[in-house]
C-alpha atoms as a PDB file:
ATOM      1  CA  MET A   1      26.154 -20.691 -23.600  1.00  0.00           C
ATOM      2  CA  GLU A   2      24.286 -17.483 -22.720  1.00  0.00           C
ATOM      3  CA  ASN A   3      26.888 -16.632 -20.066  1.00  0.00           C
ATOM      4  CA  GLU A   4      29.704 -17.325 -22.525  1.00  0.00           C
ATOM      5  CA  THR A   5      28.072 -14.980 -25.050  1.00  0.00           C
ATOM      6  CA  ALA A   6      27.732 -12.255 -22.405  1.00  0.00           C
ATOM      7  CA  ALA A   7      31.376 -12.643 -21.430  1.00  0.00           C
ATOM      8  CA  ARG A   8      32.451 -12.360 -25.065  1.00  0.00           C
ATOM      9  CA  ARG A   9      30.394  -9.190 -25.480  1.00  0.00           C
ATOM     10  CA  VAL A  10      32.014  -7.621 -22.426  1.00  0.00           C
ATOM     11  CA  GLY A  11      35.394  -8.488 -23.911  1.00  0.00           C
ATOM     12  CA  LEU A  12      34.567  -6.310 -26.922  1.00  0.00           C
ATOM     13  CA  CYS A  13      33.586  -3.253 -24.863  1.00  0.00           C
ATOM     14  CA  ARG A  14      36.064  -0.416 -25.385  1.00  0.00           C
ATOM     15  CA  SER A  15      34.588   2.541 -23.481  1.00  0.00           C
ATOM     16  CA  TRP A  16      33.322   2.323 -19.886  1.00  0.00           C
ATOM     17  CA  LEU A  17      31.593   5.568 -18.845  1.00  0.00           C
ATOM     18  CA  PHE A  18      30.986   6.477 -15.197  1.00  0.00           C
ATOM     19  CA  VAL A  19      28.033   8.769 -14.463  1.00  0.00           C
ATOM     20  CA  GLY A  20      26.777  10.095 -11.136  1.00  0.00           C
ATOM     21  CA  GLY A  21      23.433   9.629  -9.493  1.00  0.00           C
ATOM     22  CA  PRO A  22      21.443  12.631 -10.754  1.00  0.00           C
ATOM     23  CA  GLN A  23      18.942  11.125 -13.177  1.00  0.00           C
ATOM     24  CA  ALA A  24      19.092  13.767 -15.940  1.00  0.00           C
ATOM     25  CA  ARG A  25      22.840  13.437 -16.368  1.00  0.00           C
ATOM     26  CA  ALA A  26      22.684   9.666 -16.231  1.00  0.00           C
ATOM     27  CA  GLU A  27      19.996   9.467 -18.935  1.00  0.00           C
ATOM     28  CA  THR A  28      22.041  11.750 -21.190  1.00  0.00           C
ATOM     29  CA  ALA A  29      24.902   9.283 -20.877  1.00  0.00           C
ATOM     30  CA  GLY A  30      22.860   6.747 -22.816  1.00  0.00           C
ATOM     31  CA  GLN A  31      23.384   8.877 -25.919  1.00  0.00           C
ATOM     32  CA  SER A  32      27.161   9.071 -25.489  1.00  0.00           C
ATOM     33  CA  THR A  33      28.102   6.064 -27.713  1.00  0.00           C
ATOM     34  CA  ALA A  34      29.897   4.469 -24.745  1.00  0.00           C
ATOM     35  CA  ASP A  35      29.884   0.671 -24.882  1.00  0.00           C
ATOM     36  CA  VAL A  36      29.156   0.452 -21.152  1.00  0.00           C
ATOM     37  CA  VAL A  37      27.430   3.085 -18.997  1.00  0.00           C
ATOM     38  CA  ILE A  38      28.001   2.779 -15.250  1.00  0.00           C
ATOM     39  CA  LEU A  39      25.713   4.244 -12.596  1.00  0.00           C
ATOM     40  CA  GLU A  40      28.324   5.352 -10.064  1.00  0.00           C
ATOM     41  CA  LEU A  41      26.888   5.167  -6.548  1.00  0.00           C
ATOM     42  CA  GLU A  42      30.184   5.604  -4.710  1.00  0.00           C
ATOM     43  CA  ASP A  43      32.336   8.722  -5.198  1.00  0.00           C
ATOM     44  CA  PHE A  44      30.056  10.450  -7.745  1.00  0.00           C
ATOM     45  CA  THR A  45      26.872  10.139  -5.673  1.00  0.00           C
ATOM     46  CA  PRO A  46      26.786  11.657  -2.162  1.00  0.00           C
ATOM     47  CA  PRO A  47      25.084   9.542   0.509  1.00  0.00           C
ATOM     48  CA  ALA A  48      22.025  11.795   0.557  1.00  0.00           C
ATOM     49  CA  GLY A  49      21.513  11.231  -3.169  1.00  0.00           C
ATOM     50  CA  ARG A  50      21.852   7.448  -3.156  1.00  0.00           C
ATOM     51  CA  PRO A  51      18.228   6.523  -2.354  1.00  0.00           C
ATOM     52  CA  ALA A  52      16.962   8.499  -5.370  1.00  0.00           C
ATOM     53  CA  ALA A  53      19.666   7.077  -7.630  1.00  0.00           C
ATOM     54  CA  ARG A  54      18.831   3.533  -6.552  1.00  0.00           C
ATOM     55  CA  GLU A  55      15.142   4.104  -7.222  1.00  0.00           C
ATOM     56  CA  ALA A  56      15.888   5.474 -10.689  1.00  0.00           C
ATOM     57  CA  SER A  57      18.247   2.648 -11.637  1.00  0.00           C
ATOM     58  CA  PRO A  58      15.809   0.236 -13.384  1.00  0.00           C
ATOM     59  CA  GLY A  59      14.634   2.957 -15.769  1.00  0.00           C
ATOM     60  CA  LEU A  60      18.174   4.079 -16.426  1.00  0.00           C
ATOM     61  CA  PHE A  61      19.312   0.552 -17.204  1.00  0.00           C
ATOM     62  CA  ARG A  62      16.447   0.163 -19.691  1.00  0.00           C
ATOM     63  CA  ALA A  63      17.304   3.459 -21.382  1.00  0.00           C
ATOM     64  CA  TRP A  64      20.984   2.595 -21.698  1.00  0.00           C
ATOM     65  CA  ARG A  65      20.244  -0.833 -23.152  1.00  0.00           C
ATOM     66  CA  ALA A  66      17.808   0.714 -25.624  1.00  0.00           C
ATOM     67  CA  ALA A  67      20.647   3.000 -26.754  1.00  0.00           C
ATOM     68  CA  GLY A  68      22.880  -0.029 -27.361  1.00  0.00           C
ATOM     69  CA  SER A  69      25.054   0.139 -24.230  1.00  0.00           C
ATOM     70  CA  LEU A  70      25.530  -2.419 -21.499  1.00  0.00           C
ATOM     71  CA  ALA A  71      24.072  -1.227 -18.191  1.00  0.00           C
ATOM     72  CA  ALA A  72      26.397  -1.360 -15.196  1.00  0.00           C
ATOM     73  CA  VAL A  73      26.449  -0.086 -11.634  1.00  0.00           C
ATOM     74  CA  ARG A  74      29.259   0.561  -9.195  1.00  0.00           C
ATOM     75  CA  VAL A  75      27.998  -0.065  -5.691  1.00  0.00           C
ATOM     76  CA  ASN A  76      29.719   0.980  -2.494  1.00  0.00           C
ATOM     77  CA  PRO A  77      31.794  -1.524  -0.509  1.00  0.00           C
ATOM     78  CA  LEU A  78      29.402  -4.066   0.972  1.00  0.00           C
ATOM     79  CA  HIS A  79      30.323  -3.177   4.565  1.00  0.00           C
ATOM     80  CA  GLU A  80      29.313   0.433   3.886  1.00  0.00           C
ATOM     81  CA  ASP A  81      26.262   1.291   1.710  1.00  0.00           C
ATOM     82  CA  GLY A  82      26.929  -1.462  -0.804  1.00  0.00           C
ATOM     83  CA  ALA A  83      24.448  -3.990   0.568  1.00  0.00           C
ATOM     84  CA  ASP A  84      21.643  -1.414   0.325  1.00  0.00           C
ATOM     85  CA  ASP A  85      22.826  -0.388  -3.147  1.00  0.00           C
ATOM     86  CA  LEU A  86      22.800  -3.977  -4.359  1.00  0.00           C
ATOM     87  CA  ALA A  87      19.393  -4.804  -2.901  1.00  0.00           C
ATOM     88  CA  ALA A  88      17.880  -1.857  -4.780  1.00  0.00           C
ATOM     89  CA  VAL A  89      19.636  -2.004  -8.151  1.00  0.00           C
ATOM     90  CA  MET A  90      19.275  -5.749  -8.687  1.00  0.00           C
ATOM     91  CA  ALA A  91      15.581  -5.175  -9.377  1.00  0.00           C
ATOM     92  CA  GLY A  92      16.707  -3.646 -12.680  1.00  0.00           C
ATOM     93  CA  ALA A  93      18.954  -6.632 -13.509  1.00  0.00           C
ATOM     94  CA  PRO A  94      22.144  -4.739 -14.377  1.00  0.00           C
ATOM     95  CA  ASP A  95      24.448  -6.447 -16.838  1.00  0.00           C
ATOM     96  CA  ILE A  96      27.485  -5.706 -14.668  1.00  0.00           C
ATOM     97  CA  VAL A  97      28.144  -4.909 -11.004  1.00  0.00           C
ATOM     98  CA  MET A  98      31.404  -3.177 -10.117  1.00  0.00           C
ATOM     99  CA  LEU A  99      32.919  -3.147  -6.650  1.00  0.00           C
ATOM    100  CA  PRO A 100      35.343  -0.382  -5.594  1.00  0.00           C
ATOM    101  CA  LYS A 101      38.230  -0.582  -3.157  1.00  0.00           C
ATOM    102  CA  VAL A 102      38.565  -4.353  -3.425  1.00  0.00           C
ATOM    103  CA  ALA A 103      41.021  -5.504  -0.756  1.00  0.00           C
ATOM    104  CA  GLY A 104      41.358  -9.122  -1.842  1.00  0.00           C
ATOM    105  CA  PRO A 105      39.621 -12.180  -3.313  1.00  0.00           C
ATOM    106  CA  ALA A 106      37.288 -12.527  -0.319  1.00  0.00           C
ATOM    107  CA  ASP A 107      35.529  -9.275  -1.258  1.00  0.00           C
ATOM    108  CA  ILE A 108      34.650 -10.632  -4.697  1.00  0.00           C
ATOM    109  CA  ALA A 109      33.609 -14.008  -3.316  1.00  0.00           C
ATOM    110  CA  ALA A 110      31.205 -12.204  -0.956  1.00  0.00           C
ATOM    111  CA  LEU A 111      29.858 -10.013  -3.759  1.00  0.00           C
ATOM    112  CA  GLY A 112      29.267 -13.064  -5.945  1.00  0.00           C
ATOM    113  CA  GLU A 113      27.303 -14.773  -3.177  1.00  0.00           C
ATOM    114  CA  ALA A 114      25.188 -11.654  -2.600  1.00  0.00           C
ATOM    115  CA  VAL A 115      24.425 -11.257  -6.310  1.00  0.00           C
ATOM    116  CA  THR A 116      23.440 -14.930  -6.562  1.00  0.00           C
ATOM    117  CA  GLN A 117      21.008 -14.548  -3.670  1.00  0.00           C
ATOM    118  CA  HIS A 118      19.384 -11.504  -5.270  1.00  0.00           C
ATOM    119  CA  GLU A 119      19.073 -13.318  -8.607  1.00  0.00           C
ATOM    120  CA  ARG A 120      17.289 -16.187  -6.862  1.00  0.00           C
ATOM    121  CA  ASN A 121      14.936 -13.796  -5.090  1.00  0.00           C
ATOM    122  CA  LEU A 122      14.231 -11.423  -7.979  1.00  0.00           C
ATOM    123  CA  GLY A 123      14.217 -13.659 -11.023  1.00  0.00           C
ATOM    124  CA  PRO A 124      17.127 -12.763 -13.346  1.00  0.00           C
ATOM    125  CA  PRO A 125      18.762 -15.938 -14.685  1.00  0.00           C
ATOM    126  CA  GLU A 126      21.302 -17.103 -12.143  1.00  0.00           C
ATOM    127  CA  GLY A 127      24.808 -16.195 -13.274  1.00  0.00           C
ATOM    128  CA  SER A 128      23.651 -13.535 -15.739  1.00  0.00           C
ATOM    129  CA  VAL A 129      25.079 -10.561 -13.822  1.00  0.00           C
ATOM    130  CA  ARG A 130      28.810 -10.143 -14.393  1.00  0.00           C
ATOM    131  CA  LEU A 131      31.335  -8.707 -11.905  1.00  0.00           C
ATOM    132  CA  VAL A 132      34.139  -6.187 -12.428  1.00  0.00           C
ATOM    133  CA  PRO A 133      36.458  -5.618  -9.438  1.00  0.00           C
ATOM    134  CA  ASN A 134      38.082  -2.181  -9.188  1.00  0.00           C
ATOM    135  CA  ILE A 135      41.760  -2.213  -8.205  1.00  0.00           C
ATOM    136  CA  GLU A 136      42.591   0.920  -6.210  1.00  0.00           C
ATOM    137  CA  SER A 137      45.478   0.100  -3.858  1.00  0.00           C
ATOM    138  CA  ALA A 138      48.995  -1.287  -3.998  1.00  0.00           C
ATOM    139  CA  CYS A 139      47.915  -4.324  -1.981  1.00  0.00           C
ATOM    140  CA  ALA A 140      45.083  -5.118  -4.395  1.00  0.00           C
ATOM    141  CA  LEU A 141      47.317  -4.506  -7.409  1.00  0.00           C
ATOM    142  CA  PHE A 142      49.575  -7.375  -6.381  1.00  0.00           C
ATOM    143  CA  GLN A 143      46.538  -9.643  -5.933  1.00  0.00           C
ATOM    144  CA  THR A 144      44.900  -8.807  -9.261  1.00  0.00           C
ATOM    145  CA  ARG A 145      45.123 -12.315 -10.691  1.00  0.00           C
ATOM    146  CA  GLU A 146      43.691 -13.877  -7.523  1.00  0.00           C
ATOM    147  CA  ILE A 147      40.929 -11.263  -7.343  1.00  0.00           C
ATOM    148  CA  ALA A 148      40.011 -11.829 -10.992  1.00  0.00           C
ATOM    149  CA  SER A 149      39.829 -15.576 -10.331  1.00  0.00           C
ATOM    150  CA  ALA A 150      37.780 -15.338  -7.124  1.00  0.00           C
ATOM    151  CA  ASN A 151      34.400 -15.851  -8.818  1.00  0.00           C
ATOM    152  CA  PRO A 152      33.408 -17.140 -12.273  1.00  0.00           C
ATOM    153  CA  ARG A 153      31.224 -14.066 -12.792  1.00  0.00           C
ATOM    154  CA  VAL A 154      34.329 -11.858 -13.105  1.00  0.00           C
ATOM    155  CA  VAL A 155      34.822 -10.873 -16.755  1.00  0.00           C
ATOM    156  CA  ALA A 156      37.039  -7.803 -16.356  1.00  0.00           C
ATOM    157  CA  CYS A 157      38.951  -5.723 -13.817  1.00  0.00           C
ATOM    158  CA  LEU A 158      39.329  -1.958 -13.776  1.00  0.00           C
ATOM    159  CA  LEU A 159      42.433  -0.042 -12.726  1.00  0.00           C
ATOM    160  CA  ALA A 160      41.594   3.105 -10.753  1.00  0.00           C
ATOM    161  CA  SER A 161      43.933   6.072 -10.678  1.00  0.00           C
ATOM    162  CA  GLU A 162      43.104   8.631  -8.005  1.00  0.00           C
ATOM    163  CA  ASP A 163      42.992   6.313  -4.986  1.00  0.00           C
ATOM    164  CA  LEU A 164      45.915   4.263  -6.276  1.00  0.00           C
ATOM    165  CA  THR A 165      48.219   7.257  -6.687  1.00  0.00           C
ATOM    166  CA  ALA A 166      47.201   8.454  -3.221  1.00  0.00           C
ATOM    167  CA  ASP A 167      48.011   5.024  -1.797  1.00  0.00           C
ATOM    168  CA  LEU A 168      51.387   5.095  -3.548  1.00  0.00           C
ATOM    169  CA  GLY A 169      52.111   8.614  -2.287  1.00  0.00           C
ATOM    170  CA  ALA A 170      52.638   9.777  -5.870  1.00  0.00           C
ATOM    171  CA  PRO A 171      51.500  13.086  -7.393  1.00  0.00           C
ATOM    172  CA  ARG A 172      48.848  12.680 -10.112  1.00  0.00           C
ATOM    173  CA  SER A 173      50.008  13.872 -13.537  1.00  0.00           C
ATOM    174  CA  ARG A 174      48.468  14.249 -16.984  1.00  0.00           C
ATOM    175  CA  GLU A 175      51.123  11.962 -18.444  1.00  0.00           C
ATOM    176  CA  GLY A 176      50.499   9.196 -15.904  1.00  0.00           C
ATOM    177  CA  THR A 177      54.174   8.293 -15.541  1.00  0.00           C
ATOM    178  CA  GLU A 178      53.570   7.539 -11.860  1.00  0.00           C
ATOM    179  CA  LEU A 179      51.239   4.704 -12.932  1.00  0.00           C
ATOM    180  CA  ALA A 180      53.429   3.165 -15.646  1.00  0.00           C
ATOM    181  CA  PHE A 181      54.409   0.110 -13.612  1.00  0.00           C
ATOM    182  CA  ALA A 182      50.894  -0.374 -12.221  1.00  0.00           C
ATOM    183  CA  ARG A 183      49.413  -0.249 -15.723  1.00  0.00           C
ATOM    184  CA  ALA A 184      51.781  -2.875 -17.102  1.00  0.00           C
ATOM    185  CA  HIS A 185      51.507  -5.173 -14.079  1.00  0.00           C
ATOM    186  CA  PHE A 186      47.708  -4.906 -13.978  1.00  0.00           C
ATOM    187  CA  HIS A 187      47.286  -5.744 -17.666  1.00  0.00           C
ATOM    188  CA  ALA A 188      49.620  -8.732 -17.384  1.00  0.00           C
ATOM    189  CA  ALA A 189      47.755 -10.053 -14.336  1.00  0.00           C
ATOM    190  CA  CYS A 190      44.360  -9.673 -16.033  1.00  0.00           C
ATOM    191  CA  THR A 191      45.671 -11.425 -19.130  1.00  0.00           C
ATOM    192  CA  ALA A 192      46.969 -14.289 -16.990  1.00  0.00           C
ATOM    193  CA  ALA A 193      43.526 -14.579 -15.369  1.00  0.00           C
ATOM    194  CA  GLY A 194      41.751 -14.506 -18.729  1.00  0.00           C
ATOM    195  CA  VAL A 195      39.738 -11.321 -18.112  1.00  0.00           C
ATOM    196  CA  LEU A 196      39.569  -7.936 -19.829  1.00  0.00           C
ATOM    197  CA  SER A 197      41.816  -5.208 -18.400  1.00  0.00           C
ATOM    198  CA  ILE A 198      40.195  -1.755 -18.292  1.00  0.00           C
ATOM    199  CA  ASP A 199      42.593   1.191 -18.156  1.00  0.00           C
ATOM    200  CA  TYR A 200      42.088   4.039 -15.698  1.00  0.00           C
ATOM    201  CA  PRO A 201      40.090   7.133 -16.743  1.00  0.00           C
ATOM    202  CA  TYR A 202      41.754  10.221 -18.138  1.00  0.00           C
ATOM    203  CA  THR A 203      40.208  12.897 -15.917  1.00  0.00           C
ATOM    204  CA  PHE A 204      41.617  16.027 -17.565  1.00  0.00           C
ATOM    205  CA  ALA A 205      39.794  18.270 -20.074  1.00  0.00           C
ATOM    206  CA  ASP A 206      42.391  17.723 -22.783  1.00  0.00           C
ATOM    207  CA  GLU A 207      41.484  15.723 -25.895  1.00  0.00           C
ATOM    208  CA  GLU A 208      45.065  15.402 -27.121  1.00  0.00           C
ATOM    209  CA  GLY A 209      46.115  14.201 -23.695  1.00  0.00           C
ATOM    210  CA  LEU A 210      43.308  11.635 -23.815  1.00  0.00           C
ATOM    211  CA  ARG A 211      44.461  10.399 -27.217  1.00  0.00           C
ATOM    212  CA  ALA A 212      48.014  10.067 -25.903  1.00  0.00           C
ATOM    213  CA  SER A 213      46.773   8.161 -22.846  1.00  0.00           C
ATOM    214  CA  CYS A 214      44.796   5.796 -25.099  1.00  0.00           C
ATOM    215  CA  ALA A 215      47.844   5.254 -27.313  1.00  0.00           C
ATOM    216  CA  ASP A 216      49.994   4.425 -24.281  1.00  0.00           C
ATOM    217  CA  ALA A 217      47.402   1.929 -23.049  1.00  0.00           C
ATOM    218  CA  ARG A 218      47.058   0.309 -26.439  1.00  0.00           C
ATOM    219  CA  ALA A 219      50.826  -0.066 -26.702  1.00  0.00           C
ATOM    220  CA  LEU A 220      50.717  -2.103 -23.474  1.00  0.00           C
ATOM    221  CA  GLY A 221      47.979  -4.352 -24.878  1.00  0.00           C
ATOM    222  CA  TYR A 222      44.850  -2.797 -23.373  1.00  0.00           C
ATOM    223  CA  ARG A 223      41.606  -2.992 -25.357  1.00  0.00           C
ATOM    224  CA  ALA A 224      39.425  -0.861 -23.072  1.00  0.00           C
ATOM    225  CA  LYS A 225      39.467   2.361 -21.067  1.00  0.00           C
ATOM    226  CA  SER A 226      37.182   3.930 -18.488  1.00  0.00           C
ATOM    227  CA  LEU A 227      36.054   7.546 -18.735  1.00  0.00           C
ATOM    228  CA  VAL A 228      34.156  10.161 -16.772  1.00  0.00           C
ATOM    229  CA  ALA A 229      33.117  12.536 -19.591  1.00  0.00           C
ATOM    230  CA  PRO A 230      30.501  11.436 -22.178  1.00  0.00           C
ATOM    231  CA  LEU A 231      32.276  13.466 -24.873  1.00  0.00           C
ATOM    232  CA  HIS A 232      35.364  11.275 -24.443  1.00  0.00           C
ATOM    233  CA  ALA A 233      33.538   8.124 -25.618  1.00  0.00           C
ATOM    234  CA  PRO A 234      34.042   8.644 -29.386  1.00  0.00           C
ATOM    235  CA  ILE A 235      37.768   9.271 -28.861  1.00  0.00           C
ATOM    236  CA  VAL A 236      38.182   6.147 -26.743  1.00  0.00           C
ATOM    237  CA  ASN A 237      36.144   4.039 -29.172  1.00  0.00           C
ATOM    238  CA  ALA A 238      38.236   5.217 -32.109  1.00  0.00           C
ATOM    239  CA  ALA A 239      41.491   4.573 -30.257  1.00  0.00           C
ATOM    240  CA  PHE A 240      40.582   0.984 -29.388  1.00  0.00           C
ATOM    241  CA  THR A 241      38.986   0.041 -32.714  1.00  0.00           C
ATOM    242  CA  PRO A 242      41.374  -1.586 -35.204  1.00  0.00           C
ATOM    243  CA  SER A 243      41.984   0.673 -38.195  1.00  0.00           C
ATOM    244  CA  PRO A 244      41.449  -0.597 -41.768  1.00  0.00           C
ATOM    245  CA  GLU A 245      45.238  -0.768 -42.022  1.00  0.00           C
ATOM    246  CA  ASP A 246      45.418  -2.913 -38.874  1.00  0.00           C
ATOM    247  CA  VAL A 247      42.770  -5.266 -40.243  1.00  0.00           C
ATOM    248  CA  ALA A 248      44.491  -5.526 -43.627  1.00  0.00           C
ATOM    249  CA  HIS A 249      47.843  -6.229 -41.952  1.00  0.00           C
ATOM    250  CA  ALA A 250      46.333  -8.964 -39.780  1.00  0.00           C
ATOM    251  CA  ARG A 251      44.640 -10.502 -42.814  1.00  0.00           C
ATOM    252  CA  ARG A 252      47.922 -10.576 -44.736  1.00  0.00           C
ATOM    253  CA  ILE A 253      49.660 -12.318 -41.842  1.00  0.00           C
ATOM    254  CA  ALA A 254      46.892 -14.923 -41.559  1.00  0.00           C
ATOM    255  CA  GLU A 255      46.895 -15.570 -45.297  1.00  0.00           C
ATOM    256  CA  ALA A 256      50.691 -15.903 -45.381  1.00  0.00           C
ATOM    257  CA  PHE A 257      50.550 -18.377 -42.505  1.00  0.00           C
ATOM    258  CA  GLU A 258      47.891 -20.470 -44.257  1.00  0.00           C
ATOM    259  CA  ARG A 259      49.909 -20.528 -47.479  1.00  0.00           C
ATOM    260  CA  ALA A 260      53.019 -21.646 -45.588  1.00  0.00           C
ATOM    261  CA  ARG A 261      51.101 -24.340 -43.739  1.00  0.00           C
ATOM    262  CA  SER A 262      49.626 -25.658 -47.002  1.00  0.00           C
ATOM    263  CA  ARG A 263      53.202 -26.071 -48.249  1.00  0.00           C
ATOM    264  CA  GLY A 264      54.190 -27.934 -45.090  1.00  0.00           C
ATOM    265  CA  GLU A 265      56.390 -25.084 -43.854  1.00  0.00           C
ATOM    266  CA  ASP A 266      56.646 -24.092 -40.191  1.00  0.00           C
ATOM    267  CA  ARG A 267      57.001 -20.360 -40.766  1.00  0.00           C
ATOM    268  CA  ALA A 268      55.708 -17.715 -43.145  1.00  0.00           C
END
């Protein structure tokens, strides 16, 4: 039941904020109103800075939880620095572990086994840490459903943008037209697997562009978006929170359906 509750909470998380290894910046992120704050040990943290970031992780996770956010970490691929990352950060019992550059289901199966071993050694309840694969290549995109189903710890998948556009040979644009198909396919595959789809981050300093990107994602059915700027969290949260009008409309539909059913009718 505890794992089911955790999975439901993740499913309600709208804003997923990546922050780099330097401790001061990461602590500030806890005040950003993001639903999930992610210690990013891959691209945002150079190799020389990873030992310090790993050491700081338990305190950061505590601070983020105290601020009301879920505490997450993105480790490096396990065949690179990821095994060392995981061994260090599991002492702080992160709520979520993300894995970048996932090539296929086997990567997530291996991550799940490694997390289980650390839970047994360090004491967090077994199964309490959730997994979020990051989809960053064309090959992985077409395996999204299988990747999402590779381990029961997986509660969401995240669509990356920079590496994916590079893999596709497409120029990166503010409008994101080069990722239109990937966005739609990814969301459909996540939905089929029963996990949350997290849209790629809007990496430009343009609030109106961010709002447009959120609107495009919402029109496809997304309920969550990643971000790299703490100031973007309120915009993302607002975009993915149902408005009073949305709630009222949904209530009217539900009430009309119940009235029709009470009359023995099959439509409202």
